[in-house]
Amino acid sequence: MAITQQAQGVFDVTSTNENATLIDFNLEPFVEKNKGKIRSISICNQDGSSAAVVSLILRDSSGSTNDIYIIKSVSIPTGVTLVLDDHVSFDNKVYVLKLTNSGGAPLSIIIR
């Protein structure tokens, strides 16, 4: 997946694929001392013709298949922004935040 971080917490996703890391282990400013810092995640589907089908996954440091899904296989229609603003914080000393997208792209993602 071609993903580019434009600024802290702002990402452009330009193709579909699986397992792009949005927030890695111990990435500032999301480390434990700032636990609760994430207030929202917005995902905008900029594709003009195809729905994006996205999952946001918390994966532990062992890289096991014990994934915790924030959302799983959610279809975001063209030109629509999905905003998640409830229970999106996590401890990134334990988990990374991964994105999968099997639908339309590009996407804009903002994590605040």
PDB file of N, CA and C in Angstrom:
ATOM      1  N   MET A   1       0.853  -1.161   0.000  1.00  0.00           N
ATOM      2  CA  MET A   1       0.000   0.000   0.000  1.00  0.00           C
ATOM      3  C   MET A   1       0.896   1.219   0.000  1.00  0.00           C
ATOM      4  N   ALA A   2       0.673   2.114  -0.908  1.00  0.00           N
ATOM      5  CA  ALA A   2       1.435   3.357  -0.918  1.00  0.00           C
ATOM      6  C   ALA A   2       0.783   4.317   0.073  1.00  0.00           C
ATOM      7  N   ILE A   3       1.489   4.548   1.155  1.00  0.00           N
ATOM      8  CA  ILE A   3       0.977   5.452   2.188  1.00  0.00           C
ATOM      9  C   ILE A   3       2.072   6.451   2.514  1.00  0.00           C
ATOM     10  N   THR A   4       1.681   7.722   2.554  1.00  0.00           N
ATOM     11  CA  THR A   4       2.618   8.796   2.823  1.00  0.00           C
ATOM     12  C   THR A   4       2.097   9.610   3.992  1.00  0.00           C
ATOM     13  N   GLN A   5       2.961   9.842   4.975  1.00  0.00           N
ATOM     14  CA  GLN A   5       2.588  10.701   6.086  1.00  0.00           C
ATOM     15  C   GLN A   5       2.915  12.133   5.689  1.00  0.00           C
ATOM     16  N   GLN A   6       1.879  12.963   5.564  1.00  0.00           N
ATOM     17  CA  GLN A   6       2.045  14.354   5.149  1.00  0.00           C
ATOM     18  C   GLN A   6       2.454  15.252   6.313  1.00  0.00           C
ATOM     19  N   ALA A   7       1.933  14.958   7.477  1.00  0.00           N
ATOM     20  CA  ALA A   7       2.237  15.698   8.708  1.00  0.00           C
ATOM     21  C   ALA A   7       1.914  14.740   9.848  1.00  0.00           C
ATOM     22  N   GLN A   8       2.194  15.141  11.080  1.00  0.00           N
ATOM     23  CA  GLN A   8       1.897  14.271  12.211  1.00  0.00           C
ATOM     24  C   GLN A   8       0.414  13.939  12.233  1.00  0.00           C
ATOM     25  N   GLY A   9       0.078  12.674  12.044  1.00  0.00           N
ATOM     26  CA  GLY A   9      -1.313  12.234  12.089  1.00  0.00           C
ATOM     27  C   GLY A   9      -2.100  12.460  10.820  1.00  0.00           C
ATOM     28  N   VAL A  10      -1.457  12.864   9.728  1.00  0.00           N
ATOM     29  CA  VAL A  10      -2.152  13.104   8.453  1.00  0.00           C
ATOM     30  C   VAL A  10      -1.495  12.220   7.392  1.00  0.00           C
ATOM     31  N   PHE A  11      -2.310  11.354   6.761  1.00  0.00           N
ATOM     32  CA  PHE A  11      -1.789  10.368   5.825  1.00  0.00           C
ATOM     33  C   PHE A  11      -2.544  10.413   4.504  1.00  0.00           C
ATOM     34  N   ASP A  12      -1.832  10.142   3.409  1.00  0.00           N
ATOM     35  CA  ASP A  12      -2.420   9.921   2.090  1.00  0.00           C
ATOM     36  C   ASP A  12      -2.177   8.461   1.727  1.00  0.00           C
ATOM     37  N   VAL A  13      -3.244   7.771   1.356  1.00  0.00           N
ATOM     38  CA  VAL A  13      -3.151   6.389   0.906  1.00  0.00           C
ATOM     39  C   VAL A  13      -3.505   6.400  -0.571  1.00  0.00           C
ATOM     40  N   THR A  14      -2.576   5.981  -1.421  1.00  0.00           N
ATOM     41  CA  THR A  14      -2.777   6.135  -2.861  1.00  0.00           C
ATOM     42  C   THR A  14      -3.058   4.832  -3.596  1.00  0.00           C
ATOM     43  N   SER A  15      -3.086   3.699  -2.891  1.00  0.00           N
ATOM     44  CA  SER A  15      -3.410   2.437  -3.542  1.00  0.00           C
ATOM     45  C   SER A  15      -4.034   1.488  -2.528  1.00  0.00           C
ATOM     46  N   THR A  16      -4.577   0.398  -3.021  1.00  0.00           N
ATOM     47  CA  THR A  16      -5.190  -0.587  -2.136  1.00  0.00           C
ATOM     48  C   THR A  16      -4.206  -1.700  -1.835  1.00  0.00           C
ATOM     49  N   ASN A  17      -4.336  -2.247  -0.640  1.00  0.00           N
ATOM     50  CA  ASN A  17      -3.514  -3.361  -0.219  1.00  0.00           C
ATOM     51  C   ASN A  17      -3.773  -3.610   1.251  1.00  0.00           C
ATOM     52  N   GLU A  18      -2.878  -4.357   1.897  1.00  0.00           N
ATOM     53  CA  GLU A  18      -3.092  -4.686   3.299  1.00  0.00           C
ATOM     54  C   GLU A  18      -1.911  -4.310   4.170  1.00  0.00           C
ATOM     55  N   ASN A  19      -2.237  -4.095   5.434  1.00  0.00           N
ATOM     56  CA  ASN A  19      -1.247  -3.988   6.503  1.00  0.00           C
ATOM     57  C   ASN A  19      -0.314  -2.786   6.429  1.00  0.00           C
ATOM     58  N   ALA A  20      -0.837  -1.634   6.151  1.00  0.00           N
ATOM     59  CA  ALA A  20      -0.047  -0.411   6.252  1.00  0.00           C
ATOM     60  C   ALA A  20      -0.064   0.044   7.707  1.00  0.00           C
ATOM     61  N   THR A  21       1.090   0.381   8.239  1.00  0.00           N
ATOM     62  CA  THR A  21       1.184   0.842   9.625  1.00  0.00           C
ATOM     63  C   THR A  21       0.938   2.343   9.673  1.00  0.00           C
ATOM     64  N   LEU A  22      -0.072   2.752  10.450  1.00  0.00           N
ATOM     65  CA  LEU A  22      -0.350   4.173  10.661  1.00  0.00           C
ATOM     66  C   LEU A  22       0.362   4.686  11.898  1.00  0.00           C
ATOM     67  N   ILE A  23       0.245   3.951  13.001  1.00  0.00           N
ATOM     68  CA  ILE A  23       0.924   4.335  14.241  1.00  0.00           C
ATOM     69  C   ILE A  23       1.754   3.145  14.695  1.00  0.00           C
ATOM     70  N   ASP A  24       3.059   3.341  14.747  1.00  0.00           N
ATOM     71  CA  ASP A  24       3.973   2.268  15.119  1.00  0.00           C
ATOM     72  C   ASP A  24       4.181   2.268  16.633  1.00  0.00           C
ATOM     73  N   PHE A  25       4.898   1.268  17.121  1.00  0.00           N
ATOM     74  CA  PHE A  25       5.217   1.201  18.542  1.00  0.00           C
ATOM     75  C   PHE A  25       5.975   2.453  18.970  1.00  0.00           C
ATOM     76  N   ASN A  26       5.577   3.014  20.106  1.00  0.00           N
ATOM     77  CA  ASN A  26       6.255   4.135  20.757  1.00  0.00           C
ATOM     78  C   ASN A  26       6.365   5.390  19.907  1.00  0.00           C
ATOM     79  N   LEU A  27       5.505   5.564  18.930  1.00  0.00           N
ATOM     80  CA  LEU A  27       5.543   6.751  18.082  1.00  0.00           C
ATOM     81  C   LEU A  27       5.007   7.957  18.835  1.00  0.00           C
ATOM     82  N   GLU A  28       5.818   8.995  18.948  1.00  0.00           N
ATOM     83  CA  GLU A  28       5.362  10.253  19.554  1.00  0.00           C
ATOM     84  C   GLU A  28       4.351  10.894  18.611  1.00  0.00           C
ATOM     85  N   PRO A  29       3.331  11.584  19.040  1.00  0.00           N
ATOM     86  CA  PRO A  29       2.977  11.888  20.442  1.00  0.00           C
ATOM     87  C   PRO A  29       1.990  10.894  21.025  1.00  0.00           C
ATOM     88  N   PHE A  30       1.977   9.660  20.552  1.00  0.00           N
ATOM     89  CA  PHE A  30       0.959   8.707  20.965  1.00  0.00           C
ATOM     90  C   PHE A  30       1.429   7.721  22.026  1.00  0.00           C
ATOM     91  N   VAL A  31       2.600   7.956  22.640  1.00  0.00           N
ATOM     92  CA  VAL A  31       3.114   7.014  23.636  1.00  0.00           C
ATOM     93  C   VAL A  31       2.312   7.070  24.931  1.00  0.00           C
ATOM     94  N   GLU A  32       2.596   6.112  25.816  1.00  0.00           N
ATOM     95  CA  GLU A  32       1.802   5.895  27.015  1.00  0.00           C
ATOM     96  C   GLU A  32       1.594   7.152  27.860  1.00  0.00           C
ATOM     97  N   LYS A  33       2.620   7.984  27.989  1.00  0.00           N
ATOM     98  CA  LYS A  33       2.451   9.186  28.822  1.00  0.00           C
ATOM     99  C   LYS A  33       1.333  10.080  28.282  1.00  0.00           C
ATOM    100  N   ASN A  34       1.025   9.947  27.000  1.00  0.00           N
ATOM    101  CA  ASN A  34      -0.065  10.708  26.397  1.00  0.00           C
ATOM    102  C   ASN A  34      -1.271   9.830  26.107  1.00  0.00           C
ATOM    103  N   LYS A  35      -1.379   8.712  26.825  1.00  0.00           N
ATOM    104  CA  LYS A  35      -2.485   7.786  26.603  1.00  0.00           C
ATOM    105  C   LYS A  35      -3.799   8.561  26.621  1.00  0.00           C
ATOM    106  N   GLY A  36      -4.683   8.275  25.693  1.00  0.00           N
ATOM    107  CA  GLY A  36      -5.927   9.007  25.591  1.00  0.00           C
ATOM    108  C   GLY A  36      -5.817  10.181  24.641  1.00  0.00           C
ATOM    109  N   LYS A  37      -4.645  10.394  24.094  1.00  0.00           N
ATOM    110  CA  LYS A  37      -4.407  11.529  23.210  1.00  0.00           C
ATOM    111  C   LYS A  37      -5.225  11.446  21.921  1.00  0.00           C
ATOM    112  N   ILE A  38      -5.455  10.239  21.399  1.00  0.00           N
ATOM    113  CA  ILE A  38      -6.225  10.116  20.165  1.00  0.00           C
ATOM    114  C   ILE A  38      -7.694  10.360  20.473  1.00  0.00           C
ATOM    115  N   ARG A  39      -8.228  11.383  19.857  1.00  0.00           N
ATOM    116  CA  ARG A  39      -9.638  11.734  20.035  1.00  0.00           C
ATOM    117  C   ARG A  39     -10.490  11.255  18.875  1.00  0.00           C
ATOM    118  N   SER A  40      -9.889  11.211  17.676  1.00  0.00           N
ATOM    119  CA  SER A  40     -10.681  10.810  16.513  1.00  0.00           C
ATOM    120  C   SER A  40      -9.778  10.319  15.391  1.00  0.00           C
ATOM    121  N   ILE A  41     -10.383   9.510  14.532  1.00  0.00           N
ATOM    122  CA  ILE A  41      -9.752   9.056  13.302  1.00  0.00           C
ATOM    123  C   ILE A  41     -10.765   9.291  12.191  1.00  0.00           C
ATOM    124  N   SER A  42     -10.375  10.054  11.176  1.00  0.00           N
ATOM    125  CA  SER A  42     -11.272  10.246  10.028  1.00  0.00           C
ATOM    126  C   SER A  42     -10.614   9.650   8.795  1.00  0.00           C
ATOM    127  N   ILE A  43     -11.456   8.988   7.991  1.00  0.00           N
ATOM    128  CA  ILE A  43     -10.998   8.346   6.760  1.00  0.00           C
ATOM    129  C   ILE A  43     -11.901   8.845   5.637  1.00  0.00           C
ATOM    130  N   CYS A  44     -11.315   9.559   4.687  1.00  0.00           N
ATOM    131  CA  CYS A  44     -12.067  10.122   3.565  1.00  0.00           C
ATOM    132  C   CYS A  44     -11.746   9.339   2.296  1.00  0.00           C
ATOM    133  N   ASN A  45     -12.790   8.855   1.635  1.00  0.00           N
ATOM    134  CA  ASN A  45     -12.623   8.158   0.362  1.00  0.00           C
ATOM    135  C   ASN A  45     -12.706   9.184  -0.765  1.00  0.00           C
ATOM    136  N   GLN A  46     -11.572   9.454  -1.394  1.00  0.00           N
ATOM    137  CA  GLN A  46     -11.512  10.435  -2.479  1.00  0.00           C
ATOM    138  C   GLN A  46     -11.735   9.815  -3.853  1.00  0.00           C
ATOM    139  N   ASP A  47     -11.856   8.474  -3.912  1.00  0.00           N
ATOM    140  CA  ASP A  47     -12.040   7.806  -5.193  1.00  0.00           C
ATOM    141  C   ASP A  47     -13.362   8.248  -5.819  1.00  0.00           C
ATOM    142  N   GLY A  48     -13.348   8.473  -7.120  1.00  0.00           N
ATOM    143  CA  GLY A  48     -14.539   8.959  -7.804  1.00  0.00           C
ATOM    144  C   GLY A  48     -15.522   7.891  -8.226  1.00  0.00           C
ATOM    145  N   SER A  49     -15.132   6.602  -8.111  1.00  0.00           N
ATOM    146  CA  SER A  49     -16.032   5.574  -8.625  1.00  0.00           C
ATOM    147  C   SER A  49     -16.175   4.331  -7.753  1.00  0.00           C
ATOM    148  N   SER A  50     -15.285   4.102  -6.804  1.00  0.00           N
ATOM    149  CA  SER A  50     -15.325   2.858  -6.019  1.00  0.00           C
ATOM    150  C   SER A  50     -15.359   3.130  -4.528  1.00  0.00           C
ATOM    151  N   ALA A  51     -16.145   2.334  -3.826  1.00  0.00           N
ATOM    152  CA  ALA A  51     -16.155   2.400  -2.365  1.00  0.00           C
ATOM    153  C   ALA A  51     -14.830   1.853  -1.832  1.00  0.00           C
ATOM    154  N   ALA A  52     -14.367   2.439  -0.748  1.00  0.00           N
ATOM    155  CA  ALA A  52     -13.213   1.896  -0.023  1.00  0.00           C
ATOM    156  C   ALA A  52     -13.750   0.877   0.971  1.00  0.00           C
ATOM    157  N   VAL A  53     -13.032  -0.208   1.163  1.00  0.00           N
ATOM    158  CA  VAL A  53     -13.417  -1.223   2.143  1.00  0.00           C
ATOM    159  C   VAL A  53     -12.253  -1.343   3.113  1.00  0.00           C
ATOM    160  N   VAL A  54     -12.397  -0.702   4.284  1.00  0.00           N
ATOM    161  CA  VAL A  54     -11.275  -0.543   5.193  1.00  0.00           C
ATOM    162  C   VAL A  54     -11.469  -1.271   6.511  1.00  0.00           C
ATOM    163  N   SER A  55     -10.334  -1.635   7.086  1.00  0.00           N
ATOM    164  CA  SER A  55     -10.274  -2.163   8.444  1.00  0.00           C
ATOM    165  C   SER A  55      -9.165  -1.420   9.171  1.00  0.00           C
ATOM    166  N   LEU A  56      -9.393  -1.121  10.435  1.00  0.00           N
ATOM    167  CA  LEU A  56      -8.359  -0.590  11.323  1.00  0.00           C
ATOM    168  C   LEU A  56      -8.117  -1.644  12.384  1.00  0.00           C
ATOM    169  N   ILE A  57      -6.856  -2.040  12.521  1.00  0.00           N
ATOM    170  CA  ILE A  57      -6.504  -3.194  13.329  1.00  0.00           C
ATOM    171  C   ILE A  57      -5.426  -2.814  14.342  1.00  0.00           C
ATOM    172  N   LEU A  58      -5.602  -3.259  15.588  1.00  0.00           N
ATOM    173  CA  LEU A  58      -4.553  -3.166  16.591  1.00  0.00           C
ATOM    174  C   LEU A  58      -3.843  -4.510  16.618  1.00  0.00           C
ATOM    175  N   ARG A  59      -2.525  -4.491  16.427  1.00  0.00           N
ATOM    176  CA  ARG A  59      -1.729  -5.718  16.409  1.00  0.00           C
ATOM    177  C   ARG A  59      -0.672  -5.613  17.497  1.00  0.00           C
ATOM    178  N   ASP A  60      -0.514  -6.679  18.278  1.00  0.00           N
ATOM    179  CA  ASP A  60       0.433  -6.638  19.389  1.00  0.00           C
ATOM    180  C   ASP A  60       1.863  -6.851  18.912  1.00  0.00           C
ATOM    181  N   SER A  61       2.798  -6.703  19.847  1.00  0.00           N
ATOM    182  CA  SER A  61       4.218  -6.732  19.505  1.00  0.00           C
ATOM    183  C   SER A  61       4.702  -8.088  19.028  1.00  0.00           C
ATOM    184  N   SER A  62       3.972  -9.140  19.324  1.00  0.00           N
ATOM    185  CA  SER A  62       4.389 -10.470  18.873  1.00  0.00           C
ATOM    186  C   SER A  62       4.075 -10.676  17.395  1.00  0.00           C
ATOM    187  N   GLY A  63       3.255  -9.794  16.818  1.00  0.00           N
ATOM    188  CA  GLY A  63       2.882  -9.934  15.423  1.00  0.00           C
ATOM    189  C   GLY A  63       1.937 -11.100  15.207  1.00  0.00           C
ATOM    190  N   SER A  64       1.299 -11.531  16.283  1.00  0.00           N
ATOM    191  CA  SER A  64       0.409 -12.686  16.212  1.00  0.00           C
ATOM    192  C   SER A  64      -0.851 -12.363  15.423  1.00  0.00           C
ATOM    193  N   THR A  65      -1.666 -13.355  15.267  1.00  0.00           N
ATOM    194  CA  THR A  65      -2.933 -13.148  14.562  1.00  0.00           C
ATOM    195  C   THR A  65      -4.054 -12.813  15.538  1.00  0.00           C
ATOM    196  N   ASN A  66      -3.707 -12.428  16.738  1.00  0.00           N
ATOM    197  CA  ASN A  66      -4.708 -12.014  17.728  1.00  0.00           C
ATOM    198  C   ASN A  66      -5.060 -10.548  17.533  1.00  0.00           C
ATOM    199  N   ASP A  67      -5.496 -10.219  16.328  1.00  0.00           N
ATOM    200  CA  ASP A  67      -5.804  -8.830  15.992  1.00  0.00           C
ATOM    201  C   ASP A  67      -7.060  -8.359  16.715  1.00  0.00           C
ATOM    202  N   ILE A  68      -7.039  -7.069  17.062  1.00  0.00           N
ATOM    203  CA  ILE A  68      -8.208  -6.411  17.638  1.00  0.00           C
ATOM    204  C   ILE A  68      -8.674  -5.399  16.592  1.00  0.00           C
ATOM    205  N   TYR A  69      -9.891  -5.547  16.138  1.00  0.00           N
ATOM    206  CA  TYR A  69     -10.420  -4.662  15.101  1.00  0.00           C
ATOM    207  C   TYR A  69     -11.152  -3.484  15.722  1.00  0.00           C
ATOM    208  N   ILE A  70     -10.771  -2.284  15.308  1.00  0.00           N
ATOM    209  CA  ILE A  70     -11.543  -1.089  15.643  1.00  0.00           C
ATOM    210  C   ILE A  70     -12.734  -1.041  14.705  1.00  0.00           C
ATOM    211  N   ILE A  71     -12.473  -1.245  13.400  1.00  0.00           N
ATOM    212  CA  ILE A  71     -13.518  -1.471  12.404  1.00  0.00           C
ATOM    213  C   ILE A  71     -13.022  -2.580  11.486  1.00  0.00           C
ATOM    214  N   LYS A  72     -13.955  -3.347  10.905  1.00  0.00           N
ATOM    215  CA  LYS A  72     -13.562  -4.447  10.020  1.00  0.00           C
ATOM    216  C   LYS A  72     -14.415  -4.432   8.761  1.00  0.00           C
ATOM    217  N   SER A  73     -13.748  -4.338   7.622  1.00  0.00           N
ATOM    218  CA  SER A  73     -14.386  -4.403   6.298  1.00  0.00           C
ATOM    219  C   SER A  73     -15.557  -3.433   6.165  1.00  0.00           C
ATOM    220  N   VAL A  74     -15.339  -2.195   6.595  1.00  0.00           N
ATOM    221  CA  VAL A  74     -16.370  -1.165   6.503  1.00  0.00           C
ATOM    222  C   VAL A  74     -16.288  -0.506   5.124  1.00  0.00           C
ATOM    223  N   SER A  75     -17.417  -0.463   4.438  1.00  0.00           N
ATOM    224  CA  SER A  75     -17.486   0.151   3.117  1.00  0.00           C
ATOM    225  C   SER A  75     -17.737   1.651   3.266  1.00  0.00           C
ATOM    226  N   ILE A  76     -16.832   2.455   2.695  1.00  0.00           N
ATOM    227  CA  ILE A  76     -16.972   3.910   2.713  1.00  0.00           C
ATOM    228  C   ILE A  76     -17.252   4.342   1.273  1.00  0.00           C
ATOM    229  N   PRO A  77     -18.469   4.826   0.985  1.00  0.00           N
ATOM    230  CA  PRO A  77     -18.817   5.219  -0.384  1.00  0.00           C
ATOM    231  C   PRO A  77     -17.917   6.340  -0.913  1.00  0.00           C
ATOM    232  N   THR A  78     -17.919   6.522  -2.218  1.00  0.00           N
ATOM    233  CA  THR A  78     -17.114   7.583  -2.834  1.00  0.00           C
ATOM    234  C   THR A  78     -17.517   8.941  -2.269  1.00  0.00           C
ATOM    235  N   GLY A  79     -16.526   9.756  -2.006  1.00  0.00           N
ATOM    236  CA  GLY A  79     -16.766  11.109  -1.533  1.00  0.00           C
ATOM    237  C   GLY A  79     -17.253  11.218  -0.105  1.00  0.00           C
ATOM    238  N   VAL A  80     -17.189  10.146   0.673  1.00  0.00           N
ATOM    239  CA  VAL A  80     -17.696  10.135   2.043  1.00  0.00           C
ATOM    240  C   VAL A  80     -16.537  10.030   3.027  1.00  0.00           C
ATOM    241  N   THR A  81     -16.684  10.684   4.184  1.00  0.00           N
ATOM    242  CA  THR A  81     -15.706  10.600   5.264  1.00  0.00           C
ATOM    243  C   THR A  81     -16.323   9.866   6.443  1.00  0.00           C
ATOM    244  N   LEU A  82     -15.629   8.848   6.909  1.00  0.00           N
ATOM    245  CA  LEU A  82     -16.011   8.127   8.111  1.00  0.00           C
ATOM    246  C   LEU A  82     -15.233   8.726   9.272  1.00  0.00           C
ATOM    247  N   VAL A  83     -15.931   9.117  10.350  1.00  0.00           N
ATOM    248  CA  VAL A  83     -15.270   9.678  11.529  1.00  0.00           C
ATOM    249  C   VAL A  83     -15.526   8.759  12.714  1.00  0.00           C
ATOM    250  N   LEU A  84     -14.442   8.309  13.311  1.00  0.00           N
ATOM    251  CA  LEU A  84     -14.496   7.490  14.516  1.00  0.00           C
ATOM    252  C   LEU A  84     -14.059   8.366  15.680  1.00  0.00           C
ATOM    253  N   ASP A  85     -14.932   8.542  16.663  1.00  0.00           N
ATOM    254  CA  ASP A  85     -14.593   9.445  17.759  1.00  0.00           C
ATOM    255  C   ASP A  85     -14.946   8.880  19.135  1.00  0.00           C
ATOM    256  N   ASP A  86     -15.069   7.564  19.228  1.00  0.00           N
ATOM    257  CA  ASP A  86     -15.389   6.940  20.502  1.00  0.00           C
ATOM    258  C   ASP A  86     -14.498   5.715  20.692  1.00  0.00           C
ATOM    259  N   HIS A  87     -13.740   5.681  21.768  1.00  0.00           N
ATOM    260  CA  HIS A  87     -12.882   4.541  22.117  1.00  0.00           C
ATOM    261  C   HIS A  87     -11.855   4.221  21.031  1.00  0.00           C
ATOM    262  N   VAL A  88     -11.142   5.219  20.564  1.00  0.00           N
ATOM    263  CA  VAL A  88     -10.125   4.989  19.535  1.00  0.00           C
ATOM    264  C   VAL A  88      -8.704   5.038  20.098  1.00  0.00           C
ATOM    265  N   SER A  89      -8.538   5.416  21.356  1.00  0.00           N
ATOM    266  CA  SER A  89      -7.204   5.467  21.955  1.00  0.00           C
ATOM    267  C   SER A  89      -6.725   4.071  22.317  1.00  0.00           C
ATOM    268  N   PHE A  90      -5.410   3.891  22.287  1.00  0.00           N
ATOM    269  CA  PHE A  90      -4.805   2.616  22.652  1.00  0.00           C
ATOM    270  C   PHE A  90      -3.377   2.878  23.097  1.00  0.00           C
ATOM    271  N   ASP A  91      -2.782   1.904  23.760  1.00  0.00           N
ATOM    272  CA  ASP A  91      -1.414   2.011  24.254  1.00  0.00           C
ATOM    273  C   ASP A  91      -0.469   1.512  23.167  1.00  0.00           C
ATOM    274  N   ASN A  92       0.272   2.418  22.543  1.00  0.00           N
ATOM    275  CA  ASN A  92       1.138   1.975  21.447  1.00  0.00           C
ATOM    276  C   ASN A  92       2.506   1.496  21.933  1.00  0.00           C
ATOM    277  N   LYS A  93       2.624   1.242  23.219  1.00  0.00           N
ATOM    278  CA  LYS A  93       3.761   0.457  23.698  1.00  0.00           C
ATOM    279  C   LYS A  93       3.430  -1.029  23.567  1.00  0.00           C
ATOM    280  N   VAL A  94       2.146  -1.325  23.387  1.00  0.00           N
ATOM    281  CA  VAL A  94       1.676  -2.701  23.275  1.00  0.00           C
ATOM    282  C   VAL A  94       1.178  -3.020  21.863  1.00  0.00           C
ATOM    283  N   TYR A  95       0.555  -2.039  21.199  1.00  0.00           N
ATOM    284  CA  TYR A  95      -0.084  -2.265  19.902  1.00  0.00           C
ATOM    285  C   TYR A  95       0.400  -1.274  18.845  1.00  0.00           C
ATOM    286  N   VAL A  96       0.324  -1.695  17.585  1.00  0.00           N
ATOM    287  CA  VAL A  96       0.460  -0.796  16.443  1.00  0.00           C
ATOM    288  C   VAL A  96      -0.913  -0.689  15.801  1.00  0.00           C
ATOM    289  N   LEU A  97      -1.151   0.414  15.085  1.00  0.00           N
ATOM    290  CA  LEU A  97      -2.401   0.602  14.360  1.00  0.00           C
ATOM    291  C   LEU A  97      -2.134   0.348  12.886  1.00  0.00           C
ATOM    292  N   LYS A  98      -2.831  -0.644  12.327  1.00  0.00           N
ATOM    293  CA  LYS A  98      -2.682  -1.029  10.928  1.00  0.00           C
ATOM    294  C   LYS A  98      -3.955  -0.673  10.167  1.00  0.00           C
ATOM    295  N   LEU A  99      -3.785  -0.427   8.875  1.00  0.00           N
ATOM    296  CA  LEU A  99      -4.898  -0.154   7.971  1.00  0.00           C
ATOM    297  C   LEU A  99      -4.866  -1.160   6.835  1.00  0.00           C
ATOM    298  N   THR A 100      -6.024  -1.707   6.488  1.00  0.00           N
ATOM    299  CA  THR A 100      -6.159  -2.453   5.245  1.00  0.00           C
ATOM    300  C   THR A 100      -7.242  -1.774   4.422  1.00  0.00           C
ATOM    301  N   ASN A 101      -7.093  -1.807   3.110  1.00  0.00           N
ATOM    302  CA  ASN A 101      -8.087  -1.246   2.192  1.00  0.00           C
ATOM    303  C   ASN A 101      -8.140  -2.130   0.956  1.00  0.00           C
ATOM    304  N   SER A 102      -9.294  -2.732   0.720  1.00  0.00           N
ATOM    305  CA  SER A 102      -9.444  -3.579  -0.457  1.00  0.00           C
ATOM    306  C   SER A 102     -10.356  -2.935  -1.494  1.00  0.00           C
ATOM    307  N   GLY A 103     -10.611  -1.642  -1.342  1.00  0.00           N
ATOM    308  CA  GLY A 103     -11.489  -0.946  -2.277  1.00  0.00           C
ATOM    309  C   GLY A 103     -10.819   0.245  -2.904  1.00  0.00           C
ATOM    310  N   GLY A 104     -11.625   1.274  -3.161  1.00  0.00           N
ATOM    311  CA  GLY A 104     -11.145   2.472  -3.859  1.00  0.00           C
ATOM    312  C   GLY A 104     -10.098   3.245  -3.101  1.00  0.00           C
ATOM    313  N   ALA A 105      -9.304   3.973  -3.852  1.00  0.00           N
ATOM    314  CA  ALA A 105      -8.265   4.851  -3.317  1.00  0.00           C
ATOM    315  C   ALA A 105      -8.143   6.012  -4.308  1.00  0.00           C
ATOM    316  N   PRO A 106      -7.711   7.151  -3.910  1.00  0.00           N
ATOM    317  CA  PRO A 106      -6.973   7.466  -2.690  1.00  0.00           C
ATOM    318  C   PRO A 106      -7.883   7.733  -1.495  1.00  0.00           C
ATOM    319  N   LEU A 107      -7.250   7.618  -0.325  1.00  0.00           N
ATOM    320  CA  LEU A 107      -7.877   7.934   0.946  1.00  0.00           C
ATOM    321  C   LEU A 107      -7.065   8.999   1.647  1.00  0.00           C
ATOM    322  N   SER A 108      -7.741   9.835   2.423  1.00  0.00           N
ATOM    323  CA  SER A 108      -7.062  10.757   3.328  1.00  0.00           C
ATOM    324  C   SER A 108      -7.438  10.335   4.739  1.00  0.00           C
ATOM    325  N   ILE A 109      -6.421  10.224   5.608  1.00  0.00           N
ATOM    326  CA  ILE A 109      -6.660   9.805   6.986  1.00  0.00           C
ATOM    327  C   ILE A 109      -6.075  10.857   7.915  1.00  0.00           C
ATOM    328  N   ILE A 110      -6.880  11.259   8.881  1.00  0.00           N
ATOM    329  CA  ILE A 110      -6.428  12.230   9.885  1.00  0.00           C
ATOM    330  C   ILE A 110      -6.657  11.614  11.258  1.00  0.00           C
ATOM    331  N   ILE A 111      -5.586  11.543  12.051  1.00  0.00           N
ATOM    332  CA  ILE A 111      -5.651  11.029  13.404  1.00  0.00           C
ATOM    333  C   ILE A 111      -5.334  12.180  14.342  1.00  0.00           C
ATOM    334  N   ARG A 112      -6.259  12.495  15.201  1.00  0.00           N
ATOM    335  CA  ARG A 112      -6.090  13.606  16.150  1.00  0.00           C
ATOM    336  C   ARG A 112      -6.360  13.147  17.553  1.00  0.00           C
TER     337      ARG A 112
END
